[in-house]
Amino acid sequence: MAKGLPVAASAVSGVPEGLGDTGQLLTSPMFGNPQSTIQELVTTLKDWVSDATRRQQVGLACKQQAEKMFREERMIEETVAIVQAIL
């Protein structure tokens, strides 16, 4: 994401939050049909390969999401807020 590449990832752990509405969120193979997840990935990759403009748009959106979500300041602020709430 940080490099401006389009991201396809399965919906596990914190991936949906990190990906947001950018990239392609795939059905988790652990909770759904693994073959369906594979088909989603194949369809996504075919779409990105055949449409360079779309691929670049998705990559840019992923980069912007990464810059927003994974800033050091944001992570520190959220960690401090959690610690303060506990105290």
Protein backbone atom coordinates (compact mmCIF):
# COMPACT_ATOMS: atom_id res chain seq x y z
CA MET A 1 0.00 0.00 0.00
CA ALA A 2 2.69 2.46 1.01
CA LYS A 3 4.37 2.01 -2.38
CA GLY A 4 1.20 2.91 -4.27
CA LEU A 5 0.44 -0.60 -5.44
CA PRO A 6 -3.08 -2.01 -5.55
CA VAL A 7 -3.76 -4.43 -2.71
CA ALA A 8 -5.99 -7.49 -2.63
CA ALA A 9 -6.26 -9.06 0.81
CA SER A 10 -8.60 -11.39 2.66
CA ALA A 11 -10.89 -10.11 5.37
CA VAL A 12 -9.04 -11.39 8.44
CA SER A 13 -7.76 -9.72 11.59
CA GLY A 14 -7.25 -5.97 11.10
CA VAL A 15 -7.04 -6.12 7.31
CA PRO A 16 -10.51 -4.66 6.65
CA GLU A 17 -9.74 -1.66 8.87
CA GLY A 18 -6.33 -1.10 7.31
CA LEU A 19 -7.53 -1.50 3.73
CA GLY A 20 -10.64 0.58 4.27
CA ASP A 21 -12.54 1.15 1.05
CA THR A 22 -9.39 0.96 -1.07
CA GLY A 23 -7.95 -2.06 -2.82
CA GLN A 24 -9.95 -5.26 -2.95
CA LEU A 25 -11.14 -6.95 0.22
CA LEU A 26 -11.59 -10.66 -0.44
CA THR A 27 -13.83 -13.02 1.47
CA SER A 28 -11.81 -14.79 4.13
CA PRO A 29 -11.11 -18.37 3.04
CA MET A 30 -11.32 -19.39 6.71
CA PHE A 31 -14.96 -18.32 7.02
CA GLY A 32 -16.23 -18.86 3.50
CA ASN A 33 -15.59 -21.07 0.55
CA PRO A 34 -11.85 -21.05 -0.29
CA GLN A 35 -12.63 -21.62 -3.98
CA SER A 36 -14.80 -18.51 -3.94
CA THR A 37 -11.95 -16.49 -2.48
CA ILE A 38 -9.62 -17.76 -5.19
CA GLN A 39 -12.14 -16.78 -7.85
CA GLU A 40 -12.46 -13.29 -6.33
CA LEU A 41 -8.68 -12.92 -6.47
CA VAL A 42 -8.49 -14.12 -10.07
CA THR A 43 -11.25 -11.73 -11.13
CA THR A 44 -9.57 -8.82 -9.32
CA LEU A 45 -6.16 -9.53 -10.87
CA LYS A 46 -7.65 -9.85 -14.36
CA ASP A 47 -9.42 -6.51 -13.88
CA TRP A 48 -6.24 -4.78 -12.76
CA VAL A 49 -4.12 -6.33 -15.53
CA SER A 50 -6.57 -5.33 -18.25
CA ASP A 51 -7.19 -1.77 -17.02
CA ALA A 52 -4.01 0.19 -16.24
CA THR A 53 -5.95 3.32 -15.30
CA ARG A 54 -8.05 1.42 -12.77
CA ARG A 55 -4.94 -0.29 -11.39
CA GLN A 56 -3.23 3.07 -10.92
CA GLN A 57 -6.33 4.58 -9.27
CA VAL A 58 -6.57 1.70 -6.83
CA GLY A 59 -2.84 1.92 -6.12
CA LEU A 60 -3.08 5.64 -5.41
CA ALA A 61 -6.08 5.13 -3.13
CA CYS A 62 -4.16 2.39 -1.28
CA LYS A 63 -1.16 4.69 -0.84
CA GLN A 64 -3.35 7.48 0.52
CA GLN A 65 -5.00 5.04 2.95
CA ALA A 66 -1.61 3.79 4.14
CA GLU A 67 -0.39 7.34 4.69
CA LYS A 68 -3.54 8.11 6.68
CA MET A 69 -3.70 4.90 8.73
CA PHE A 70 -0.09 4.14 9.46
CA ARG A 71 1.35 7.49 10.46
CA GLU A 72 3.55 7.28 13.54
CA GLU A 73 1.73 10.20 15.16
CA ARG A 74 -1.68 8.55 14.72
CA MET A 75 -0.51 5.27 16.22
CA ILE A 76 1.04 7.05 19.21
CA GLU A 77 -2.09 9.15 19.78
CA GLU A 78 -4.33 6.09 19.69
CA THR A 79 -2.05 4.10 21.99
CA VAL A 80 -1.89 6.95 24.51
CA ALA A 81 -5.68 7.32 24.37
CA ILE A 82 -6.12 3.63 25.15
CA VAL A 83 -3.66 3.79 28.06
CA GLN A 84 -5.38 6.91 29.44
CA ALA A 85 -8.79 5.25 29.17
CA ILE A 86 -7.52 2.26 31.14
CA LEU A 87 -5.97 4.44 33.83
